[in-house]
Amino acid sequence: MAQPQLHKKTNSKLEETNSLKGTLASVILLGFFIIFTWVGVYFLFLDRF
């Protein structure tokens, strides 16, 4: 008879937290890059206007 697998809640919770921290860091870096790009294009527009 097959044995049901037991999930370790502490390990999965720890891995999920680490994964979300990496995701948050990536989103923040991407956000800064997008904002920096838009500000750069805006100032380029003002310079050429």
C-alpha atoms as a PDB file:
ATOM      1  CA  MET A   1       0.000   0.000   0.000  1.00  0.00           C
ATOM      2  CA  ALA A   2       1.321   3.467  -0.888  1.00  0.00           C
ATOM      3  CA  GLN A   3       2.480   5.692   1.913  1.00  0.00           C
ATOM      4  CA  PRO A   4       1.114   9.261   1.820  1.00  0.00           C
ATOM      5  CA  GLN A   5       3.870  11.818   1.698  1.00  0.00           C
ATOM      6  CA  LEU A   6       4.016  14.224   4.587  1.00  0.00           C
ATOM      7  CA  HIS A   7       4.793  17.825   3.781  1.00  0.00           C
ATOM      8  CA  LYS A   8       7.243  19.638   6.004  1.00  0.00           C
ATOM      9  CA  LYS A   9       5.597  22.970   6.641  1.00  0.00           C
ATOM     10  CA  THR A  10       8.689  24.616   8.117  1.00  0.00           C
ATOM     11  CA  ASN A  11      10.858  23.942   5.061  1.00  0.00           C
ATOM     12  CA  SER A  12       8.231  24.945   2.514  1.00  0.00           C
ATOM     13  CA  LYS A  13       7.454  28.115   4.454  1.00  0.00           C
ATOM     14  CA  LEU A  14      11.144  29.025   4.623  1.00  0.00           C
ATOM     15  CA  GLU A  15      11.638  28.378   0.908  1.00  0.00           C
ATOM     16  CA  GLU A  16       8.539  30.410   0.070  1.00  0.00           C
ATOM     17  CA  THR A  17       9.811  33.362   2.131  1.00  0.00           C
ATOM     18  CA  ASN A  18      13.221  33.251   0.455  1.00  0.00           C
ATOM     19  CA  SER A  19      11.598  33.031  -2.952  1.00  0.00           C
ATOM     20  CA  LEU A  20       9.383  36.020  -2.227  1.00  0.00           C
ATOM     21  CA  LYS A  21      12.339  38.079  -0.998  1.00  0.00           C
ATOM     22  CA  GLY A  22      14.132  37.450  -4.280  1.00  0.00           C
ATOM     23  CA  THR A  23      10.993  38.347  -6.199  1.00  0.00           C
ATOM     24  CA  LEU A  24      10.596  41.591  -4.255  1.00  0.00           C
ATOM     25  CA  ALA A  25      14.214  42.560  -4.910  1.00  0.00           C
ATOM     26  CA  SER A  26      13.800  41.844  -8.631  1.00  0.00           C
ATOM     27  CA  VAL A  27      10.606  43.893  -8.860  1.00  0.00           C
ATOM     28  CA  ILE A  28      12.196  46.831  -7.029  1.00  0.00           C
ATOM     29  CA  LEU A  29      15.249  46.778  -9.313  1.00  0.00           C
ATOM     30  CA  LEU A  30      13.060  46.585 -12.391  1.00  0.00           C
ATOM     31  CA  GLY A  31      10.935  49.466 -11.100  1.00  0.00           C
ATOM     32  CA  PHE A  32      14.011  51.647 -10.553  1.00  0.00           C
ATOM     33  CA  PHE A  33      15.250  50.813 -14.033  1.00  0.00           C
ATOM     34  CA  ILE A  34      11.905  51.770 -15.604  1.00  0.00           C
ATOM     35  CA  ILE A  35      11.697  55.018 -13.612  1.00  0.00           C
ATOM     36  CA  PHE A  36      15.320  55.904 -14.478  1.00  0.00           C
ATOM     37  CA  THR A  37      14.634  55.238 -18.159  1.00  0.00           C
ATOM     38  CA  TRP A  38      11.483  57.384 -18.209  1.00  0.00           C
ATOM     39  CA  VAL A  39      13.200  60.246 -16.375  1.00  0.00           C
ATOM     40  CA  GLY A  40      16.126  60.048 -18.810  1.00  0.00           C
ATOM     41  CA  VAL A  41      13.814  60.163 -21.828  1.00  0.00           C
ATOM     42  CA  TYR A  42      11.868  63.063 -20.285  1.00  0.00           C
ATOM     43  CA  PHE A  43      15.015  65.124 -19.741  1.00  0.00           C
ATOM     44  CA  LEU A  44      16.192  64.266 -23.243  1.00  0.00           C
ATOM     45  CA  PHE A  45      12.851  65.544 -24.535  1.00  0.00           C
ATOM     46  CA  LEU A  46      13.191  68.760 -22.532  1.00  0.00           C
ATOM     47  CA  ASP A  47      16.737  69.263 -23.780  1.00  0.00           C
ATOM     48  CA  ARG A  48      15.723  68.956 -27.439  1.00  0.00           C
ATOM     49  CA  PHE A  49      12.487  70.946 -27.141  1.00  0.00           C
END
